[in-house]
Amino acid sequence: MSRFLQLHYLTVYPLSNPNRDDQGRPKSATYGSAPRLRISSQALKRAARLSDVMQADLEGHLGERTQRVGDVIRGTLTEEGVDAGKASELAAKVADVFGKIDEKAQKEGHIRTRQLAFVSPDERACAVDLARKAANGEQLPDIKDLKKIVLRRADGAADVAMFGRMLADDPDFNRDAAVQVSHALTTHRALVEDDFYTAVDDLKRPSEDAGAGFVGEAGFGSGVFYTYACVNNALLKENLDGDSALAARAAGALAEALATATPSGKRNSFAHQTFASFVMAEKGDRQPRSLAGAFFKPVTGEDLLEASVTALKQTALALDAAYFGGESESSEIMHVAKGEGSIGAIKAFAMAAMTDD
């Protein structure tokens, strides 16, 4: 098994606003003294987790990031005929293993934790089962023992294994993320633009006035975005309790999802359904390195995508020459414009990184 799998993506986003800042405008950054558009790693990871490919390839092995485990437990118990008051009491006791219960929400009739918890399918099933047994007369363990029974250090939750989790009150059950994902950044100078738009009142008569029923302003941008992801293969397998086959499926699903899934911000307004135009996957035992330095000086020209591909390849070769005597690691490339490679080959390469000797 290779120590690391590295994934490099160049993706063209059309006019869009997939990931907004606090003012509703596309996120941005300054890099190499030039303004760029940005998509946060959090948005990219969530898009990957919810993508069709991950939902299909990892069905039954995906966790839920939620505050509402208590509501789930209570709902299950009441559906099975448990008295509502008893169900609420047991749900609150069991859900407490995932974080402190929100007293304000509880007064409003909800059983929710103060913080979001990343809960695996095994943990959710165990929590529900313990509450069910308690409803049938079995003694519910105290909170300390309850946590030891419910919480896992490793199991079959592929997304928790990849992206990690933090339980502030129970650090022993934290999981270090096996996958690092960069913020996506345009390879060239890019500015946020403004769209001034109007909406017409369909029932307004021309005799009243010629004005619109609503006027507004929305930001958008476009560009070629570079994204980098690195998988610690051994940690991914460890987080999945040693399941090599599931780790391979997770790596393959991740490789495809990051190429095909996009954050959903303003999607109905801009229809930014876009796939990566260039992907380079690498596997080996060397220390990982991002190729973001290829774009510290913004690329220019009429074909920003091809200029970005060239800069990325040249930087990879230059780093290999400087640090490794020109020896490169095993790699697989998909270059859509040139008809080279395929996402199927990238996916197979990623899976092999988890299982090859």
Protein backbone atom coordinates (compact mmCIF):
# COMPACT_ATOMS: atom_id res chain seq x y z
CA MET A 1 0.00 0.00 0.00
CA SER A 2 1.30 3.45 -0.92
CA ARG A 3 1.63 5.90 1.96
CA PHE A 4 -0.14 8.73 0.19
CA LEU A 5 -2.61 9.39 -2.61
CA GLN A 6 -2.50 12.93 -4.00
CA LEU A 7 -5.19 14.43 -6.23
CA HIS A 8 -4.89 17.61 -8.30
CA TYR A 9 -7.89 19.16 -10.09
CA LEU A 10 -8.39 22.01 -12.53
CA THR A 11 -12.08 22.84 -12.83
CA VAL A 12 -13.71 25.58 -14.90
CA TYR A 13 -16.58 27.27 -13.11
CA PRO A 14 -18.88 29.37 -15.33
CA LEU A 15 -20.57 32.52 -14.06
CA SER A 16 -21.64 31.39 -10.60
CA ASN A 17 -21.61 31.91 -6.85
CA PRO A 18 -21.26 28.40 -5.41
CA ASN A 19 -19.78 29.41 -2.04
CA ARG A 20 -20.83 32.74 -0.51
CA ASP A 21 -19.23 34.96 2.11
CA ASP A 22 -21.06 36.74 4.94
CA GLN A 23 -22.39 39.33 2.48
CA GLY A 24 -23.68 36.79 0.00
CA ARG A 25 -20.88 37.40 -2.49
CA PRO A 26 -18.45 34.78 -3.89
CA LYS A 27 -15.61 34.02 -1.49
CA SER A 28 -12.28 35.50 -2.51
CA ALA A 29 -8.64 35.75 -1.48
CA THR A 30 -5.42 37.48 -2.40
CA TYR A 31 -2.68 35.13 -3.61
CA GLY A 32 0.56 36.20 -5.21
CA SER A 33 -0.53 39.83 -4.80
CA ALA A 34 -3.46 39.15 -7.13
CA PRO A 35 -7.19 38.91 -6.38
CA ARG A 36 -8.62 35.42 -6.77
CA LEU A 37 -11.95 33.69 -6.34
CA ARG A 38 -12.10 30.94 -3.72
CA ILE A 39 -14.24 27.97 -2.72
CA SER A 40 -13.72 26.76 0.84
CA SER A 41 -12.54 23.25 1.58
CA GLN A 42 -15.57 22.80 3.86
CA ALA A 43 -17.92 23.49 0.95
CA LEU A 44 -15.99 21.11 -1.32
CA LYS A 45 -16.03 18.30 1.25
CA ARG A 46 -19.74 18.67 1.90
CA ALA A 47 -20.46 18.62 -1.84
CA ALA A 48 -18.39 15.43 -2.12
CA ARG A 49 -20.12 13.78 0.86
CA LEU A 50 -23.57 14.50 -0.57
CA SER A 51 -22.67 13.66 -4.17
CA ASP A 52 -24.41 10.88 -6.06
CA VAL A 53 -21.15 8.96 -6.40
CA MET A 54 -20.39 8.87 -2.68
CA GLN A 55 -23.99 8.14 -1.76
CA ALA A 56 -24.00 5.19 -4.18
CA ASP A 57 -20.47 3.83 -3.71
CA LEU A 58 -20.50 4.15 0.08
CA GLU A 59 -24.15 3.40 0.86
CA GLY A 60 -24.50 2.26 4.45
CA HIS A 61 -21.05 3.61 5.30
CA LEU A 62 -21.77 7.33 5.60
CA GLY A 63 -22.24 9.26 8.82
CA GLU A 64 -24.45 12.22 9.63
CA ARG A 65 -23.29 15.58 10.95
CA THR A 66 -26.16 16.65 13.17
CA GLN A 67 -27.45 18.06 16.46
CA ARG A 68 -30.62 15.98 16.22
CA VAL A 69 -29.69 12.48 17.31
CA GLY A 70 -31.98 12.89 20.31
CA ASP A 71 -34.93 13.72 18.07
CA VAL A 72 -34.14 10.62 16.00
CA ILE A 73 -34.04 8.38 19.07
CA ARG A 74 -37.27 9.81 20.46
CA GLY A 75 -39.00 9.48 17.11
CA THR A 76 -37.96 5.85 16.80
CA LEU A 77 -39.20 5.01 20.30
CA THR A 78 -42.56 6.74 19.90
CA GLU A 79 -43.12 4.99 16.56
CA GLU A 80 -42.58 1.72 18.43
CA GLY A 81 -45.24 2.63 20.97
CA VAL A 82 -43.18 4.04 23.84
CA ASP A 83 -44.90 6.74 25.90
CA ALA A 84 -43.88 10.19 24.63
CA GLY A 85 -42.61 11.37 28.03
CA LYS A 86 -40.55 8.22 28.58
CA ALA A 87 -39.20 8.40 25.03
CA SER A 88 -38.09 12.00 25.55
CA GLU A 89 -36.39 11.17 28.85
CA LEU A 90 -34.43 8.23 27.42
CA ALA A 91 -33.55 10.09 24.21
CA ALA A 92 -32.06 12.97 26.21
CA LYS A 93 -29.96 10.61 28.33
CA VAL A 94 -28.58 8.68 25.37
CA ALA A 95 -28.05 11.68 23.08
CA ASP A 96 -25.90 13.26 25.80
CA VAL A 97 -23.04 10.98 24.72
CA PHE A 98 -22.68 13.08 21.56
CA GLY A 99 -22.61 16.43 23.36
CA LYS A 100 -24.39 18.48 25.98
CA ILE A 101 -28.14 18.75 25.48
CA ASP A 102 -29.33 22.21 24.41
CA GLU A 103 -31.65 23.28 27.25
CA LYS A 104 -33.26 26.05 25.23
CA ALA A 105 -34.14 23.67 22.41
CA GLN A 106 -35.41 21.17 24.99
CA LYS A 107 -37.84 23.74 26.38
CA GLU A 108 -39.15 24.15 22.85
CA GLY A 109 -39.79 20.42 22.56
CA HIS A 110 -36.59 19.36 20.78
CA ILE A 111 -33.83 17.05 21.99
CA ARG A 112 -30.69 18.40 20.39
CA THR A 113 -27.05 18.80 21.29
CA ARG A 114 -25.41 22.21 21.49
CA GLN A 115 -22.83 21.29 18.87
CA LEU A 116 -22.93 19.35 15.67
CA ALA A 117 -21.62 15.82 16.06
CA PHE A 118 -20.40 13.59 13.23
CA VAL A 119 -22.22 10.35 14.02
CA SER A 120 -21.45 7.04 12.31
CA PRO A 121 -24.16 4.53 11.34
CA ASP A 122 -22.86 2.10 13.98
CA GLU A 123 -23.03 4.74 16.71
CA ARG A 124 -26.52 5.83 15.71
CA ALA A 125 -27.78 2.24 15.65
CA CYS A 126 -26.18 1.48 19.02
CA ALA A 127 -27.68 4.61 20.62
CA VAL A 128 -31.17 3.76 19.38
CA ASP A 129 -30.83 0.14 20.49
CA LEU A 130 -29.75 1.11 24.03
CA ALA A 131 -32.67 3.50 24.37
CA ARG A 132 -35.02 0.79 23.10
CA LYS A 133 -33.69 -1.72 25.64
CA ALA A 134 -34.07 0.84 28.43
CA ALA A 135 -37.66 1.45 27.37
CA ASN A 136 -38.24 -2.30 27.75
CA GLY A 137 -36.96 -2.30 31.30
CA GLU A 138 -33.19 -2.80 31.04
CA GLN A 139 -30.93 -0.60 33.15
CA LEU A 140 -29.34 2.25 31.20
CA PRO A 141 -25.62 2.58 32.03
CA ASP A 142 -24.34 5.83 33.51
CA ILE A 143 -23.06 8.43 31.07
CA LYS A 144 -19.40 7.44 31.38
CA ASP A 145 -20.08 3.79 30.56
CA LEU A 146 -22.67 4.79 27.99
CA LYS A 147 -20.05 6.72 26.03
CA LYS A 148 -17.72 3.72 26.05
CA ILE A 149 -20.50 1.56 24.63
CA VAL A 150 -21.78 3.97 21.95
CA LEU A 151 -18.79 5.97 20.74
CA ARG A 152 -16.22 4.46 18.36
CA ARG A 153 -12.59 5.20 17.66
CA ALA A 154 -12.88 3.38 14.33
CA ASP A 155 -15.73 1.79 12.37
CA GLY A 156 -17.29 1.66 8.94
CA ALA A 157 -18.16 5.35 8.50
CA ALA A 158 -16.12 6.27 5.42
CA ASP A 159 -16.77 10.01 5.52
CA VAL A 160 -15.89 10.26 9.22
CA ALA A 161 -12.72 8.29 8.45
CA MET A 162 -11.82 10.64 5.62
CA PHE A 163 -12.73 14.01 7.08
CA GLY A 164 -12.36 13.36 10.81
CA ARG A 165 -14.35 14.69 13.71
CA MET A 166 -13.91 16.45 17.04
CA LEU A 167 -15.96 15.71 20.15
CA ALA A 168 -14.97 18.52 22.52
CA ASP A 169 -16.14 16.70 25.66
CA ASP A 170 -14.69 13.32 24.66
CA PRO A 171 -11.37 13.79 22.83
CA ASP A 172 -10.57 10.08 23.20
CA PHE A 173 -13.18 9.47 20.52
CA ASN A 174 -11.97 12.14 18.11
CA ARG A 175 -10.81 10.90 14.71
CA ASP A 176 -7.95 12.47 12.84
CA ALA A 177 -8.88 13.23 9.25
CA ALA A 178 -7.21 10.91 6.76
CA VAL A 179 -7.93 13.35 3.93
CA GLN A 180 -6.70 16.91 3.55
CA VAL A 181 -8.57 19.13 1.06
CA SER A 182 -7.38 22.58 0.04
CA HIS A 183 -9.48 25.62 -0.64
CA ALA A 184 -10.05 25.87 -4.37
CA LEU A 185 -8.44 29.00 -5.82
CA THR A 186 -8.49 30.49 -9.29
CA THR A 187 -5.21 30.04 -11.13
CA HIS A 188 -5.48 33.55 -12.53
CA ARG A 189 -6.64 37.00 -11.49
CA ALA A 190 -10.39 37.01 -10.94
CA LEU A 191 -12.77 39.60 -9.56
CA VAL A 192 -16.28 39.43 -8.19
CA GLU A 193 -18.74 41.01 -10.60
CA ASP A 194 -22.20 42.39 -9.86
CA ASP A 195 -25.53 41.54 -11.40
CA PHE A 196 -28.25 44.17 -11.03
CA TYR A 197 -31.56 42.40 -11.54
CA THR A 198 -35.27 43.12 -11.39
CA ALA A 199 -38.41 41.08 -10.84
CA VAL A 200 -41.72 41.96 -12.44
CA ASP A 201 -45.07 41.82 -10.67
CA ASP A 202 -47.24 39.74 -13.01
CA LEU A 203 -50.46 41.33 -11.71
CA LYS A 204 -49.23 44.91 -12.01
CA ARG A 205 -51.05 46.85 -14.71
CA PRO A 206 -49.14 48.95 -17.26
CA SER A 207 -51.34 51.91 -16.35
CA GLU A 208 -49.86 52.01 -12.82
CA ASP A 209 -46.20 52.61 -13.69
CA ALA A 210 -43.38 51.00 -15.62
CA GLY A 211 -41.31 50.07 -12.57
CA ALA A 212 -40.33 46.60 -11.43
CA GLY A 213 -41.83 44.91 -8.41
CA PHE A 214 -38.36 44.25 -6.96
CA VAL A 215 -34.77 45.25 -7.67
CA GLY A 216 -31.69 43.58 -6.28
CA GLU A 217 -27.98 42.99 -6.66
CA ALA A 218 -26.06 39.69 -6.69
CA GLY A 219 -22.38 38.90 -6.98
CA PHE A 220 -20.88 36.26 -9.26
CA GLY A 221 -17.56 35.19 -10.74
CA SER A 222 -15.93 32.63 -13.00
CA GLY A 223 -12.58 31.01 -13.55
CA VAL A 224 -10.29 27.99 -13.54
CA PHE A 225 -9.99 26.65 -9.98
CA TYR A 226 -7.15 24.51 -8.63
CA THR A 227 -8.01 22.02 -5.89
CA TYR A 228 -5.60 19.70 -4.09
CA ALA A 229 -6.41 16.72 -1.88
CA CYS A 230 -4.10 14.34 -0.05
CA VAL A 231 -5.05 10.97 1.45
CA ASN A 232 -3.05 9.36 4.25
CA ASN A 233 -3.75 5.79 3.19
CA ALA A 234 -2.68 4.06 6.39
CA LEU A 235 -4.77 6.41 8.55
CA LEU A 236 -7.80 5.93 6.30
CA LYS A 237 -7.52 2.17 6.71
CA GLU A 238 -6.98 2.53 10.47
CA ASN A 239 -10.05 4.78 10.82
CA LEU A 240 -12.06 2.12 9.00
CA ASP A 241 -11.00 -0.52 11.50
CA GLY A 242 -8.59 -2.17 9.05
CA ASP A 243 -11.11 -2.68 6.23
CA SER A 244 -8.88 -2.38 3.12
CA ALA A 245 -11.70 -2.99 0.66
CA LEU A 246 -13.83 -0.20 2.14
CA ALA A 247 -10.81 2.11 2.25
CA ALA A 248 -10.27 1.49 -1.46
CA ARG A 249 -13.92 2.22 -2.22
CA ALA A 250 -13.69 5.43 -0.18
CA ALA A 251 -10.56 6.60 -2.01
CA GLY A 252 -12.11 5.89 -5.39
CA ALA A 253 -15.36 7.62 -4.50
CA LEU A 254 -13.47 10.65 -3.22
CA ALA A 255 -11.40 10.92 -6.40
CA GLU A 256 -14.52 10.90 -8.57
CA ALA A 257 -16.64 13.09 -6.27
CA LEU A 258 -14.08 15.90 -6.15
CA ALA A 259 -14.08 15.88 -9.96
CA THR A 260 -17.85 15.95 -10.38
CA ALA A 261 -19.49 17.50 -7.31
CA THR A 262 -19.88 21.25 -6.81
CA PRO A 263 -21.17 23.29 -3.86
CA SER A 264 -24.82 24.13 -4.29
CA GLY A 265 -24.81 27.89 -3.63
CA LYS A 266 -27.05 29.80 -6.11
CA ARG A 267 -27.14 26.73 -8.36
CA ASN A 268 -30.67 27.46 -9.56
CA SER A 269 -29.58 30.93 -10.63
CA PHE A 270 -26.34 29.93 -12.41
CA ALA A 271 -26.59 26.18 -13.15
CA HIS A 272 -22.89 25.62 -12.43
CA GLN A 273 -23.00 21.91 -13.20
CA THR A 274 -19.34 21.47 -14.04
CA PHE A 275 -16.80 18.63 -14.12
CA ALA A 276 -13.04 18.87 -13.72
CA SER A 277 -11.25 19.48 -17.02
CA PHE A 278 -7.92 18.12 -15.80
CA VAL A 279 -7.07 15.64 -13.04
CA MET A 280 -3.69 14.30 -11.97
CA ALA A 281 -3.56 11.53 -9.38
CA GLU A 282 -0.28 10.45 -7.77
CA LYS A 283 0.59 7.65 -5.36
CA GLY A 284 3.76 6.79 -3.50
CA ASP A 285 5.68 7.05 -0.26
CA ARG A 286 7.22 10.51 -0.57
CA GLN A 287 6.20 13.50 1.50
CA PRO A 288 3.13 15.06 -0.17
CA ARG A 289 3.28 18.49 -1.81
CA SER A 290 0.64 20.79 -3.18
CA LEU A 291 1.20 22.29 -6.62
CA ALA A 292 -0.51 25.56 -5.72
CA GLY A 293 2.85 27.29 -6.20
CA ALA A 294 2.33 26.85 -9.93
CA PHE A 295 -0.20 29.67 -9.73
CA PHE A 296 1.50 32.06 -7.31
CA LYS A 297 2.13 34.10 -10.43
CA PRO A 298 -1.31 34.27 -12.06
CA VAL A 299 -1.51 32.52 -15.41
CA THR A 300 -2.46 34.71 -18.36
CA GLY A 301 -3.48 34.36 -21.98
CA GLU A 302 -6.57 33.57 -24.02
CA ASP A 303 -6.72 29.92 -22.90
CA LEU A 304 -6.44 30.05 -19.12
CA LEU A 305 -7.22 26.35 -18.75
CA GLU A 306 -4.35 25.14 -20.93
CA ALA A 307 -2.04 27.71 -19.39
CA SER A 308 -2.98 26.30 -16.00
CA VAL A 309 -2.33 22.71 -17.12
CA THR A 310 1.08 23.71 -18.44
CA ALA A 311 2.01 25.58 -15.26
CA LEU A 312 0.91 22.66 -13.07
CA LYS A 313 2.89 20.08 -15.05
CA GLN A 314 5.99 22.27 -15.17
CA THR A 315 5.90 22.88 -11.43
CA ALA A 316 5.53 19.15 -10.72
CA LEU A 317 8.55 18.40 -12.90
CA ALA A 318 10.60 21.21 -11.34
CA LEU A 319 9.85 20.04 -7.78
CA ASP A 320 10.69 16.44 -8.70
CA ALA A 321 13.99 17.58 -10.21
CA ALA A 322 14.93 19.75 -7.23
CA TYR A 323 13.97 17.35 -4.46
CA PHE A 324 13.99 13.86 -5.96
CA GLY A 325 16.57 13.96 -8.77
CA GLY A 326 13.92 13.99 -11.46
CA GLU A 327 12.28 10.77 -10.29
CA SER A 328 8.49 11.09 -10.31
CA GLU A 329 5.92 8.97 -8.52
CA SER A 330 3.36 6.77 -10.22
CA SER A 331 0.60 8.92 -11.69
CA GLU A 332 -2.56 8.91 -13.79
CA ILE A 333 -3.81 11.89 -15.82
CA MET A 334 -7.15 12.82 -17.28
CA HIS A 335 -7.05 15.76 -19.72
CA VAL A 336 -10.50 16.24 -21.21
CA ALA A 337 -9.58 18.74 -23.93
CA LYS A 338 -6.93 16.39 -25.32
CA GLY A 339 -8.96 13.23 -24.93
CA GLU A 340 -6.46 11.73 -22.50
CA GLY A 341 -7.51 9.39 -19.71
CA SER A 342 -10.88 9.04 -18.01
CA ILE A 343 -12.44 9.45 -14.60
CA GLY A 344 -12.80 5.69 -14.48
CA ALA A 345 -9.03 5.31 -14.79
CA ILE A 346 -8.47 7.98 -12.11
CA LYS A 347 -10.88 6.18 -9.79
CA ALA A 348 -9.23 2.80 -10.38
CA PHE A 349 -5.81 4.35 -9.73
CA ALA A 350 -7.03 5.83 -6.44
CA MET A 351 -8.46 2.52 -5.32
CA ALA A 352 -5.25 0.69 -6.23
CA ALA A 353 -3.27 3.10 -4.05
CA MET A 354 -5.03 1.55 -1.05
CA THR A 355 -4.43 -2.07 -2.01
CA ASP A 356 -1.25 -2.37 -4.09
CA ASP A 357 1.93 -3.77 -2.56
